[in-house]
C-alpha atoms as a PDB file:
ATOM      1  CA  MET A   1     -11.326  10.753 -15.300  1.00  0.00           C
ATOM      2  CA  SER A   2     -10.818   7.057 -16.464  1.00  0.00           C
ATOM      3  CA  LYS A   3     -12.889   4.659 -14.760  1.00  0.00           C
ATOM      4  CA  VAL A   4      -9.899   2.199 -14.939  1.00  0.00           C
ATOM      5  CA  TYR A   5      -8.457   2.461 -11.633  1.00  0.00           C
ATOM      6  CA  TYR A   6      -4.370   1.956 -11.253  1.00  0.00           C
ATOM      7  CA  GLY A   7      -2.529   1.568  -7.626  1.00  0.00           C
ATOM      8  CA  GLY A   8       0.885   0.823  -6.450  1.00  0.00           C
ATOM      9  CA  GLN A   9       3.613   0.373  -3.888  1.00  0.00           C
ATOM     10  CA  ALA A  10       7.022   1.811  -3.455  1.00  0.00           C
ATOM     11  CA  VAL A  11       9.987  -0.796  -3.321  1.00  0.00           C
ATOM     12  CA  MET A  12      13.519  -0.502  -2.615  1.00  0.00           C
ATOM     13  CA  GLU A  13      14.772   1.864  -5.345  1.00  0.00           C
ATOM     14  CA  GLY A  14      11.701   1.501  -7.203  1.00  0.00           C
ATOM     15  CA  VAL A  15       7.773   1.335  -7.584  1.00  0.00           C
ATOM     16  CA  MET A  16       4.987  -1.195  -8.342  1.00  0.00           C
ATOM     17  CA  MET A  17       1.957  -0.445 -10.492  1.00  0.00           C
ATOM     18  CA  GLN A  18      -0.873  -2.262 -10.998  1.00  0.00           C
ATOM     19  CA  GLY A  19      -3.978  -2.477 -13.026  1.00  0.00           C
ATOM     20  CA  PRO A  20      -6.838  -4.748 -13.841  1.00  0.00           C
ATOM     21  CA  HIS A  21      -5.021  -7.090 -16.065  1.00  0.00           C
ATOM     22  CA  GLY A  22      -1.463  -7.434 -14.209  1.00  0.00           C
ATOM     23  CA  LYS A  23       1.122  -5.459 -12.461  1.00  0.00           C
ATOM     24  CA  ALA A  24       4.705  -4.245 -13.143  1.00  0.00           C
ATOM     25  CA  ILE A  25       7.622  -3.439 -11.095  1.00  0.00           C
ATOM     26  CA  ALA A  26      10.146  -0.815 -12.176  1.00  0.00           C
ATOM     27  CA  CYS A  27      13.392  -0.671 -10.377  1.00  0.00           C
ATOM     28  CA  ARG A  28      16.683   1.494 -10.812  1.00  0.00           C
ATOM     29  CA  LYS A  29      19.827  -0.448 -10.362  1.00  0.00           C
ATOM     30  CA  GLU A  30      23.121   1.235  -8.945  1.00  0.00           C
ATOM     31  CA  ASP A  31      24.342   1.679 -12.944  1.00  0.00           C
ATOM     32  CA  GLY A  32      21.281   3.878 -13.522  1.00  0.00           C
ATOM     33  CA  ASP A  33      19.396   1.085 -15.786  1.00  0.00           C
ATOM     34  CA  ILE A  34      15.655   0.547 -14.976  1.00  0.00           C
ATOM     35  CA  VAL A  35      14.760  -3.414 -15.077  1.00  0.00           C
ATOM     36  CA  TYR A  36      11.194  -5.023 -14.791  1.00  0.00           C
ATOM     37  CA  SER A  37       9.180  -7.486 -13.472  1.00  0.00           C
ATOM     38  CA  ILE A  38       5.893  -8.054 -15.330  1.00  0.00           C
ATOM     39  CA  LYS A  39       3.120 -10.433 -14.495  1.00  0.00           C
ATOM     40  CA  GLU A  40      -0.396 -10.501 -16.064  1.00  0.00           C
ATOM     41  CA  LEU A  41      -2.981 -11.389 -13.208  1.00  0.00           C
ATOM     42  CA  ARG A  42      -6.392 -12.768 -12.947  1.00  0.00           C
ATOM     43  CA  LEU A  43      -8.508 -11.526 -10.342  1.00  0.00           C
ATOM     44  CA  PRO A  44      -9.724 -14.264  -7.702  1.00  0.00           C
ATOM     45  CA  LYS A  45     -13.133 -13.092  -8.102  1.00  0.00           C
ATOM     46  CA  GLU A  46     -13.108 -14.075 -12.166  1.00  0.00           C
ATOM     47  CA  ARG A  47     -12.503 -17.982 -10.812  1.00  0.00           C
ATOM     48  CA  PHE A  48     -14.708 -17.903  -7.872  1.00  0.00           C
ATOM     49  CA  PRO A  49     -17.382 -14.637  -7.977  1.00  0.00           C
ATOM     50  CA  ILE A  50     -17.825 -14.922  -3.783  1.00  0.00           C
ATOM     51  CA  LEU A  51     -14.500 -13.318  -3.633  1.00  0.00           C
ATOM     52  CA  GLY A  52     -15.865 -10.310  -5.163  1.00  0.00           C
ATOM     53  CA  TRP A  53     -18.856  -9.645  -2.925  1.00  0.00           C
ATOM     54  CA  PRO A  54     -18.582  -6.534  -0.829  1.00  0.00           C
ATOM     55  CA  VAL A  55     -16.799  -7.057   2.779  1.00  0.00           C
ATOM     56  CA  VAL A  56     -15.206 -10.259   1.429  1.00  0.00           C
ATOM     57  CA  ARG A  57     -13.604  -8.708  -1.452  1.00  0.00           C
ATOM     58  CA  GLY A  58     -11.818  -6.384   0.996  1.00  0.00           C
ATOM     59  CA  PHE A  59     -10.231  -9.049   3.404  1.00  0.00           C
ATOM     60  CA  VAL A  60      -9.224 -10.905   0.112  1.00  0.00           C
ATOM     61  CA  SER A  61      -7.454  -7.893  -1.097  1.00  0.00           C
ATOM     62  CA  PHE A  62      -6.249  -6.811   1.759  1.00  0.00           C
ATOM     63  CA  PHE A  63      -4.292 -10.606   2.040  1.00  0.00           C
ATOM     64  CA  LEU A  64      -3.132 -10.552  -1.692  1.00  0.00           C
ATOM     65  CA  SER A  65      -1.587  -7.198  -1.363  1.00  0.00           C
ATOM     66  CA  MET A  66       0.416  -8.294   1.806  1.00  0.00           C
ATOM     67  CA  LYS A  67       1.456 -11.357  -0.142  1.00  0.00           C
ATOM     68  CA  SER A  68       2.383  -9.933  -3.325  1.00  0.00           C
ATOM     69  CA  GLY A  69       4.285  -7.054  -1.307  1.00  0.00           C
ATOM     70  CA  VAL A  70       6.514  -9.471   0.123  1.00  0.00           C
ATOM     71  CA  GLN A  71       7.264 -10.772  -3.139  1.00  0.00           C
ATOM     72  CA  ASP A  72       7.860  -7.236  -4.653  1.00  0.00           C
ATOM     73  CA  LEU A  73      10.090  -6.130  -1.734  1.00  0.00           C
ATOM     74  CA  THR A  74      12.012  -9.571  -2.052  1.00  0.00           C
ATOM     75  CA  TRP A  75      12.690  -8.887  -5.823  1.00  0.00           C
ATOM     76  CA  SER A  76      13.427  -5.356  -5.283  1.00  0.00           C
ATOM     77  CA  ALA A  77      16.077  -5.975  -2.903  1.00  0.00           C
ATOM     78  CA  ALA A  78      17.443  -8.606  -5.110  1.00  0.00           C
ATOM     79  CA  GLN A  79      17.931  -5.916  -7.908  1.00  0.00           C
ATOM     80  CA  ILE A  80      19.952  -3.504  -5.645  1.00  0.00           C
ATOM     81  CA  GLY A  81      22.089  -5.645  -3.825  1.00  0.00           C
ATOM     82  CA  GLU A  82      25.691  -5.017  -4.755  1.00  0.00           C
ATOM     83  CA  SER A  83      26.864  -8.843  -4.238  1.00  0.00           C
ATOM     84  CA  GLU A  84      25.211 -11.951  -3.719  1.00  0.00           C
ATOM     85  CA  GLU A  85      26.030 -12.038   0.064  1.00  0.00           C
ATOM     86  CA  GLU A  86      24.186  -8.382   0.144  1.00  0.00           C
ATOM     87  CA  SER A  87      21.028  -9.392  -1.582  1.00  0.00           C
ATOM     88  CA  LEU A  88      18.013 -10.549   0.157  1.00  0.00           C
ATOM     89  CA  SER A  89      16.981 -14.329   0.116  1.00  0.00           C
ATOM     90  CA  THR A  90      13.339 -15.493   0.279  1.00  0.00           C
ATOM     91  CA  TRP A  91      13.975 -16.665   3.542  1.00  0.00           C
ATOM     92  CA  ASP A  92      15.462 -13.699   4.893  1.00  0.00           C
ATOM     93  CA  MET A  93      12.576 -11.923   3.675  1.00  0.00           C
ATOM     94  CA  VAL A  94      10.324 -14.108   4.707  1.00  0.00           C
ATOM     95  CA  LEU A  95      11.650 -14.041   8.240  1.00  0.00           C
ATOM     96  CA  ALA A  96      11.986 -10.420   8.263  1.00  0.00           C
ATOM     97  CA  MET A  97       8.163 -10.033   7.762  1.00  0.00           C
ATOM     98  CA  GLY A  98       7.220 -12.647  10.102  1.00  0.00           C
ATOM     99  CA  LEU A  99       9.156 -10.964  12.833  1.00  0.00           C
ATOM    100  CA  ALA A 100       7.173  -7.694  11.923  1.00  0.00           C
ATOM    101  CA  LEU A 101       3.746  -9.327  11.806  1.00  0.00           C
ATOM    102  CA  LEU A 102       4.542 -10.749  15.546  1.00  0.00           C
ATOM    103  CA  LEU A 103       5.703  -7.380  16.511  1.00  0.00           C
ATOM    104  CA  THR A 104       2.683  -5.668  14.870  1.00  0.00           C
ATOM    105  CA  LEU A 105       0.635  -7.837  17.176  1.00  0.00           C
ATOM    106  CA  VAL A 106       2.255  -7.130  20.101  1.00  0.00           C
ATOM    107  CA  PHE A 107       2.463  -3.583  19.559  1.00  0.00           C
ATOM    108  CA  PHE A 108      -0.625  -2.453  17.739  1.00  0.00           C
ATOM    109  CA  VAL A 109      -3.092  -5.422  19.222  1.00  0.00           C
ATOM    110  CA  ALA A 110      -2.086  -6.687  22.203  1.00  0.00           C
ATOM    111  CA  LEU A 111      -0.264  -3.968  24.353  1.00  0.00           C
ATOM    112  CA  PRO A 112      -3.419  -1.551  23.766  1.00  0.00           C
ATOM    113  CA  VAL A 113      -5.493  -4.125  24.899  1.00  0.00           C
ATOM    114  CA  TRP A 114      -3.358  -4.907  28.102  1.00  0.00           C
ATOM    115  CA  LEU A 115      -3.207  -1.355  28.712  1.00  0.00           C
ATOM    116  CA  GLY A 116      -6.957  -0.623  28.073  1.00  0.00           C
ATOM    117  CA  THR A 117      -8.085  -3.614  30.019  1.00  0.00           C
ATOM    118  CA  TRP A 118      -6.131  -2.407  33.029  1.00  0.00           C
ATOM    119  CA  ALA A 119      -7.835   1.287  32.848  1.00  0.00           C
ATOM    120  CA  ARG A 120     -11.472  -0.316  32.227  1.00  0.00           C
ATOM    121  CA  THR A 121     -12.096  -0.147  35.599  1.00  0.00           C
ATOM    122  CA  TYR A 122     -11.890   3.806  35.710  1.00  0.00           C
ATOM    123  CA  ILE A 123     -12.950   4.739  32.109  1.00  0.00           C
ATOM    124  CA  GLY A 124     -15.557   2.101  31.421  1.00  0.00           C
ATOM    125  CA  ASP A 125     -15.998  -0.119  28.088  1.00  0.00           C
ATOM    126  CA  PHE A 126     -16.182   2.919  25.424  1.00  0.00           C
ATOM    127  CA  GLY A 127     -13.328   4.361  27.135  1.00  0.00           C
ATOM    128  CA  ARG A 128     -11.371   1.091  26.842  1.00  0.00           C
ATOM    129  CA  SER A 129     -11.893   1.209  22.876  1.00  0.00           C
ATOM    130  CA  LEU A 130     -11.481   4.707  22.944  1.00  0.00           C
ATOM    131  CA  LEU A 131      -8.110   4.558  24.638  1.00  0.00           C
ATOM    132  CA  GLU A 132      -7.191   1.414  22.669  1.00  0.00           C
ATOM    133  CA  GLY A 133      -7.902   3.588  19.477  1.00  0.00           C
ATOM    134  CA  LEU A 134      -5.504   6.374  20.511  1.00  0.00           C
ATOM    135  CA  LEU A 135      -2.698   4.180  21.937  1.00  0.00           C
ATOM    136  CA  ARG A 136      -2.490   2.387  18.409  1.00  0.00           C
ATOM    137  CA  ILE A 137      -2.617   5.879  16.315  1.00  0.00           C
ATOM    138  CA  ALA A 138       0.017   7.251  18.521  1.00  0.00           C
ATOM    139  CA  LEU A 139       2.306   4.031  18.391  1.00  0.00           C
ATOM    140  CA  PHE A 140       1.789   4.300  14.635  1.00  0.00           C
ATOM    141  CA  LEU A 141       2.314   7.811  14.388  1.00  0.00           C
ATOM    142  CA  GLY A 142       5.648   7.275  16.444  1.00  0.00           C
ATOM    143  CA  TYR A 143       6.814   4.322  14.487  1.00  0.00           C
ATOM    144  CA  VAL A 144       6.052   6.598  11.146  1.00  0.00           C
ATOM    145  CA  LEU A 145       8.337   9.502  12.426  1.00  0.00           C
ATOM    146  CA  ALA A 146      10.819   7.179  13.861  1.00  0.00           C
ATOM    147  CA  ILE A 147      11.794   5.284  10.602  1.00  0.00           C
ATOM    148  CA  ARG A 148      11.471   8.181   8.079  1.00  0.00           C
ATOM    149  CA  ARG A 149      14.644   9.371   9.395  1.00  0.00           C
ATOM    150  CA  LEU A 150      16.477   6.248   8.118  1.00  0.00           C
ATOM    151  CA  PRO A 151      17.989   7.082   4.739  1.00  0.00           C
ATOM    152  CA  ASP A 152      16.629   4.114   3.257  1.00  0.00           C
ATOM    153  CA  ILE A 153      12.992   4.813   4.561  1.00  0.00           C
ATOM    154  CA  LYS A 154      13.580   8.341   2.749  1.00  0.00           C
ATOM    155  CA  ARG A 155      14.279   7.049  -0.471  1.00  0.00           C
ATOM    156  CA  LEU A 156      11.135   4.820  -0.054  1.00  0.00           C
ATOM    157  CA  PHE A 157       8.733   7.338   1.028  1.00  0.00           C
ATOM    158  CA  ALA A 158      10.137   9.927  -2.209  1.00  0.00           C
ATOM    159  CA  TYR A 159       9.118   6.508  -4.245  1.00  0.00           C
ATOM    160  CA  HIS A 160       5.898   6.413  -2.468  1.00  0.00           C
ATOM    161  CA  GLY A 161       5.433   9.993  -3.620  1.00  0.00           C
ATOM    162  CA  ALA A 162       6.588   9.530  -6.932  1.00  0.00           C
ATOM    163  CA  GLU A 163       3.710   6.460  -7.309  1.00  0.00           C
ATOM    164  CA  HIS A 164       1.342   8.845  -6.058  1.00  0.00           C
ATOM    165  CA  LYS A 165       1.780  12.131  -8.322  1.00  0.00           C
ATOM    166  CA  THR A 166       2.137   9.502 -11.553  1.00  0.00           C
ATOM    167  CA  ILE A 167      -1.397   8.376 -10.627  1.00  0.00           C
ATOM    168  CA  ASN A 168      -2.640  11.545  -9.871  1.00  0.00           C
ATOM    169  CA  ALA A 169      -1.321  12.697 -13.352  1.00  0.00           C
ATOM    170  CA  LEU A 170      -2.810   9.821 -15.077  1.00  0.00           C
ATOM    171  CA  GLU A 171      -5.931  10.642 -13.635  1.00  0.00           C
ATOM    172  CA  ALA A 172      -5.906  14.216 -14.716  1.00  0.00           C
ATOM    173  CA  GLY A 173      -5.384  13.222 -18.172  1.00  0.00           C
ATOM    174  CA  VAL A 174      -1.952  14.969 -18.611  1.00  0.00           C
ATOM    175  CA  GLN A 175       1.640  14.234 -20.497  1.00  0.00           C
ATOM    176  CA  LEU A 176       3.237  11.420 -18.143  1.00  0.00           C
ATOM    177  CA  LYS A 177       6.702  13.112 -18.269  1.00  0.00           C
ATOM    178  CA  PRO A 178       8.439  13.653 -15.064  1.00  0.00           C
ATOM    179  CA  ASP A 179       8.745  17.727 -15.487  1.00  0.00           C
ATOM    180  CA  ILE A 180       4.603  17.814 -15.408  1.00  0.00           C
ATOM    181  CA  VAL A 181       3.813  14.759 -13.470  1.00  0.00           C
ATOM    182  CA  ARG A 182       6.318  17.029 -10.871  1.00  0.00           C
ATOM    183  CA  GLU A 183       3.407  19.357 -10.144  1.00  0.00           C
ATOM    184  CA  TYR A 184       0.645  17.059  -9.263  1.00  0.00           C
ATOM    185  CA  SER A 185       0.149  16.212  -5.240  1.00  0.00           C
ATOM    186  CA  ARG A 186       1.863  13.196  -3.547  1.00  0.00           C
ATOM    187  CA  ILE A 187      -1.378  12.847  -1.664  1.00  0.00           C
ATOM    188  CA  HIS A 188      -3.831  10.026  -2.996  1.00  0.00           C
ATOM    189  CA  LEU A 189      -7.208   9.175  -1.945  1.00  0.00           C
ATOM    190  CA  ARG A 190      -6.555   5.158  -2.763  1.00  0.00           C
ATOM    191  CA  CYS A 191      -3.432   5.269  -0.576  1.00  0.00           C
ATOM    192  CA  GLY A 192      -3.005   2.159   2.001  1.00  0.00           C
ATOM    193  CA  THR A 193      -1.953   4.685   4.813  1.00  0.00           C
ATOM    194  CA  SER A 194      -5.647   5.741   4.414  1.00  0.00           C
ATOM    195  CA  PHE A 195      -6.663   2.094   4.833  1.00  0.00           C
ATOM    196  CA  ILE A 196      -4.724   1.850   7.924  1.00  0.00           C
ATOM    197  CA  LEU A 197      -6.053   4.527   9.855  1.00  0.00           C
ATOM    198  CA  MET A 198      -9.616   3.297   8.533  1.00  0.00           C
ATOM    199  CA  VAL A 199      -9.096   0.083  10.333  1.00  0.00           C
ATOM    200  CA  VAL A 200      -8.150   1.592  13.375  1.00  0.00           C
ATOM    201  CA  VAL A 201     -11.180   3.965  13.553  1.00  0.00           C
ATOM    202  CA  LEU A 202     -13.462   1.284  12.358  1.00  0.00           C
ATOM    203  CA  MET A 203     -12.107  -0.983  15.387  1.00  0.00           C
ATOM    204  CA  ILE A 204     -13.151   1.713  17.978  1.00  0.00           C
ATOM    205  CA  VAL A 205     -16.503   1.983  16.943  1.00  0.00           C
ATOM    206  CA  LEU A 206     -16.826  -2.076  16.200  1.00  0.00           C
ATOM    207  CA  PHE A 207     -15.032  -3.269  19.665  1.00  0.00           C
ATOM    208  CA  THR A 208     -16.910  -0.828  21.547  1.00  0.00           C
ATOM    209  CA  PHE A 209     -20.282  -3.298  21.038  1.00  0.00           C
ATOM    210  CA  ILE A 210     -18.187  -6.527  20.888  1.00  0.00           C
ATOM    211  CA  GLY A 211     -15.571  -8.346  22.678  1.00  0.00           C
ATOM    212  CA  GLN A 212     -16.099  -6.414  26.035  1.00  0.00           C
ATOM    213  CA  THR A 213     -14.547  -9.336  27.876  1.00  0.00           C
ATOM    214  CA  LYS A 214     -13.045  -8.496  31.407  1.00  0.00           C
ATOM    215  CA  GLY A 215      -9.445 -10.236  30.704  1.00  0.00           C
ATOM    216  CA  ALA A 216      -7.146  -9.181  27.993  1.00  0.00           C
ATOM    217  CA  TRP A 217      -6.479 -12.429  26.415  1.00  0.00           C
ATOM    218  CA  GLY A 218     -10.072 -12.748  25.807  1.00  0.00           C
ATOM    219  CA  ARG A 219     -10.193  -9.508  23.870  1.00  0.00           C
ATOM    220  CA  ILE A 220      -7.371 -10.330  21.986  1.00  0.00           C
ATOM    221  CA  GLY A 221      -8.340 -13.428  20.302  1.00  0.00           C
ATOM    222  CA  ILE A 222     -11.702 -11.897  19.894  1.00  0.00           C
ATOM    223  CA  LYS A 223     -10.153  -9.260  17.747  1.00  0.00           C
ATOM    224  CA  LEU A 224      -7.802 -11.465  15.890  1.00  0.00           C
ATOM    225  CA  LEU A 225     -10.927 -13.451  14.810  1.00  0.00           C
ATOM    226  CA  LEU A 226     -12.663 -10.659  13.769  1.00  0.00           C
ATOM    227  CA  MET A 227      -9.993  -9.110  11.802  1.00  0.00           C
ATOM    228  CA  PRO A 228     -10.977 -10.071   8.435  1.00  0.00           C
ATOM    229  CA  LEU A 229     -14.503  -8.590   9.046  1.00  0.00           C
ATOM    230  CA  VAL A 230     -12.897  -5.512  10.497  1.00  0.00           C
ATOM    231  CA  ALA A 231     -10.650  -5.426   6.818  1.00  0.00           C
ATOM    232  CA  GLY A 232     -13.422  -6.159   4.769  1.00  0.00           C
ATOM    233  CA  LEU A 233     -15.550  -3.457   5.966  1.00  0.00           C
ATOM    234  CA  SER A 234     -12.618  -0.785   6.340  1.00  0.00           C
ATOM    235  CA  TYR A 235     -12.259  -1.686   2.517  1.00  0.00           C
ATOM    236  CA  GLU A 236     -15.686  -0.716   1.571  1.00  0.00           C
ATOM    237  CA  LEU A 237     -15.519   2.530   3.445  1.00  0.00           C
ATOM    238  CA  PHE A 238     -11.745   3.309   1.863  1.00  0.00           C
ATOM    239  CA  ARG A 239     -14.109   3.021  -1.505  1.00  0.00           C
ATOM    240  CA  LEU A 240     -16.495   5.531  -0.563  1.00  0.00           C
ATOM    241  CA  PRO A 241     -14.464   8.454  -2.194  1.00  0.00           C
ATOM    242  CA  LEU A 242     -14.532   6.384  -5.693  1.00  0.00           C
ATOM    243  CA  HIS A 243     -18.552   6.736  -5.595  1.00  0.00           C
ATOM    244  CA  PHE A 244     -19.175   9.562  -3.295  1.00  0.00           C
ATOM    245  CA  PRO A 245     -16.026  12.438  -4.094  1.00  0.00           C
ATOM    246  CA  HIS A 246     -17.886  15.526  -3.102  1.00  0.00           C
ATOM    247  CA  ASN A 247     -19.958  14.372  -0.050  1.00  0.00           C
ATOM    248  CA  ARG A 248     -19.010  16.115   3.189  1.00  0.00           C
ATOM    249  CA  PHE A 249     -18.882  12.859   5.446  1.00  0.00           C
ATOM    250  CA  VAL A 250     -16.665  10.819   3.199  1.00  0.00           C
ATOM    251  CA  LYS A 251     -14.404  13.879   3.196  1.00  0.00           C
ATOM    252  CA  LEU A 252     -14.159  13.836   7.046  1.00  0.00           C
ATOM    253  CA  LEU A 253     -13.909  10.137   7.001  1.00  0.00           C
ATOM    254  CA  VAL A 254     -10.734  10.076   4.835  1.00  0.00           C
ATOM    255  CA  ALA A 255      -9.327  13.296   6.032  1.00  0.00           C
ATOM    256  CA  PRO A 256      -6.913  11.739   8.898  1.00  0.00           C
ATOM    257  CA  GLY A 257      -5.522   9.411   6.335  1.00  0.00           C
ATOM    258  CA  LEU A 258      -4.588  12.003   3.842  1.00  0.00           C
ATOM    259  CA  ALA A 259      -2.862  14.147   6.543  1.00  0.00           C
ATOM    260  CA  MET A 260      -0.941  10.823   7.352  1.00  0.00           C
ATOM    261  CA  GLN A 261       0.260  10.783   4.183  1.00  0.00           C
ATOM    262  CA  HIS A 262       2.348  13.910   4.286  1.00  0.00           C
ATOM    263  CA  LEU A 263       4.504  11.354   6.765  1.00  0.00           C
ATOM    264  CA  THR A 264       4.574   8.289   4.560  1.00  0.00           C
ATOM    265  CA  THR A 265       5.381  10.286   1.355  1.00  0.00           C
ATOM    266  CA  ALA A 266       8.407  12.580   0.396  1.00  0.00           C
ATOM    267  CA  GLU A 267       9.001  14.769  -2.743  1.00  0.00           C
ATOM    268  CA  PRO A 268      10.678  12.625  -5.161  1.00  0.00           C
ATOM    269  CA  ASP A 269      13.294  13.770  -7.684  1.00  0.00           C
ATOM    270  CA  ASP A 270      12.791  13.811 -11.443  1.00  0.00           C
ATOM    271  CA  ALA A 271      15.052  10.394 -11.853  1.00  0.00           C
ATOM    272  CA  GLN A 272      12.240   8.760  -9.201  1.00  0.00           C
ATOM    273  CA  LEU A 273       9.049   9.882 -11.074  1.00  0.00           C
ATOM    274  CA  ALA A 274      10.832   8.575 -14.347  1.00  0.00           C
ATOM    275  CA  VAL A 275      10.668   5.051 -12.755  1.00  0.00           C
ATOM    276  CA  ALA A 276       7.091   5.186 -11.381  1.00  0.00           C
ATOM    277  CA  ILE A 277       6.189   6.674 -15.007  1.00  0.00           C
ATOM    278  CA  ALA A 278       7.923   3.518 -16.500  1.00  0.00           C
ATOM    279  CA  ALA A 279       6.467   1.068 -14.194  1.00  0.00           C
ATOM    280  CA  LEU A 280       2.916   2.521 -15.100  1.00  0.00           C
ATOM    281  CA  THR A 281       3.618   2.369 -18.619  1.00  0.00           C
ATOM    282  CA  HIS A 282       4.666  -1.130 -18.669  1.00  0.00           C
ATOM    283  CA  VAL A 283       1.514  -2.684 -16.744  1.00  0.00           C
ATOM    284  CA  PRO A 284      -0.376  -5.491 -18.739  1.00  0.00           C
ATOM    285  CA  GLY A 285      -2.868  -4.143 -20.636  1.00  0.00           C
ATOM    286  CA  PHE A 286      -2.091  -0.110 -20.196  1.00  0.00           C
ATOM    287  CA  GLU A 287      -4.698   1.729 -22.094  1.00  0.00           C
ATOM    288  CA  PHE A 288      -3.580   5.484 -21.981  1.00  0.00           C
ATOM    289  CA  THR A 289      -0.834   5.413 -24.343  1.00  0.00           C
ATOM    290  CA  ASP A 290      -1.690   8.816 -25.861  1.00  0.00           C
ATOM    291  CA  GLN A 291      -0.407  10.312 -22.332  1.00  0.00           C
ATOM    292  CA  ILE A 292       3.112   8.804 -22.840  1.00  0.00           C
ATOM    293  CA  PRO A 293       5.078  11.512 -25.128  1.00  0.00           C
ATOM    294  CA  GLN A 294       6.523  10.076 -28.511  1.00  0.00           C
ATOM    295  CA  GLU A 295       9.670  10.960 -27.603  1.00  0.00           C
ATOM    296  CA  GLU A 296       9.607   8.939 -24.195  1.00  0.00           C
ATOM    297  CA  ILE A 297       8.476   5.782 -25.622  1.00  0.00           C
ATOM    298  CA  PRO A 298      12.056   4.262 -26.983  1.00  0.00           C
ATOM    299  CA  VAL A 299      13.415   5.445 -23.323  1.00  0.00           C
ATOM    300  CA  VAL A 300      10.625   3.991 -21.005  1.00  0.00           C
ATOM    301  CA  LEU A 301       8.864   1.517 -23.105  1.00  0.00           C
ATOM    302  CA  GLN A 302      11.873  -0.663 -25.106  1.00  0.00           C
ATOM    303  CA  GLN A 303      14.216  -1.207 -22.500  1.00  0.00           C
ATOM    304  CA  GLU A 304      12.716  -4.801 -22.061  1.00  0.00           C
ATOM    305  CA  THR A 305      15.186  -7.679 -21.930  1.00  0.00           C
ATOM    306  CA  ASP A 306      14.987 -10.861 -23.501  1.00  0.00           C
ATOM    307  CA  GLU A 307      14.370 -12.303 -19.834  1.00  0.00           C
ATOM    308  CA  GLU A 308      11.659  -9.770 -19.276  1.00  0.00           C
ATOM    309  CA  GLN A 309       9.717 -11.196 -22.543  1.00  0.00           C
ATOM    310  CA  GLU A 310      10.183 -14.737 -21.603  1.00  0.00           C
ATOM    311  CA  ALA A 311       8.553 -13.877 -18.343  1.00  0.00           C
ATOM    312  CA  CYS A 312       5.764 -12.175 -20.042  1.00  0.00           C
ATOM    313  CA  GLU A 313       5.364 -15.219 -22.192  1.00  0.00           C
ATOM    314  CA  GLN A 314       4.767 -17.462 -19.575  1.00  0.00           C
ATOM    315  CA  SER A 315       2.705 -15.530 -17.608  1.00  0.00           C
ATOM    316  CA  SER A 316       0.056 -15.130 -20.506  1.00  0.00           C
END
């Protein structure tokens, strides 16, 4: 297995893949053509080494992932819009993400704290932290179960499964062909779903000892102030399987996140797998060209447009 790690994200009718040197988004339009957005990236820690320190790197990674996620979804949404009126503008996407962030803070931070504070008299400080955590998990599960019934989300989750299968196949060293990649698991250790559950679990432990105020508003404020620390520590726990893949404690720690992925991924079809493979093989600096079947190279690697080549030149 290679020590060069790739990750990704499902977008509208496509997949984003990222490696050490850059990222590529592949998106299938209504006419069946695959379009790309390719960018070379420089890691922040290369310019500011402190951003690569443990814990600090976790918060930085989380912030950058949120930022690029909005940009990638905006780009993919524009590709599948049938007309100018149907395409989402950047402002529309910013408003949508801002509303989503507000709702996240209300339902996943404030509401559990208010309910936990109300119950604190009966269950104590530890019981309050535990109740808050269980409520967050229940709300998250309910949210996922509700949205996964929507047709667009079903397709998004299928592309999420395609992303995982493709990376699993890459790390297994097999040829990147849809009929081969199809046989690999849609569950992956380095999925963001696992990271989210890691944050929830760590919040239960950390806020049992910190922020035990009587009032709900004070506790909410402390939680928000300490979220960078929570994100940073969760990231370090999230990376443990890379260093201790066979450790029983580590397996137990990541088990809930792996189970959750059965809800946030779906089985993709071969066309969706082809898009995920195309995104991965277009990542700048992709090293594993020996895993790309020769007959697939003209189909997957030579669909670049003049605009794409210009974008690559500008980013380099």
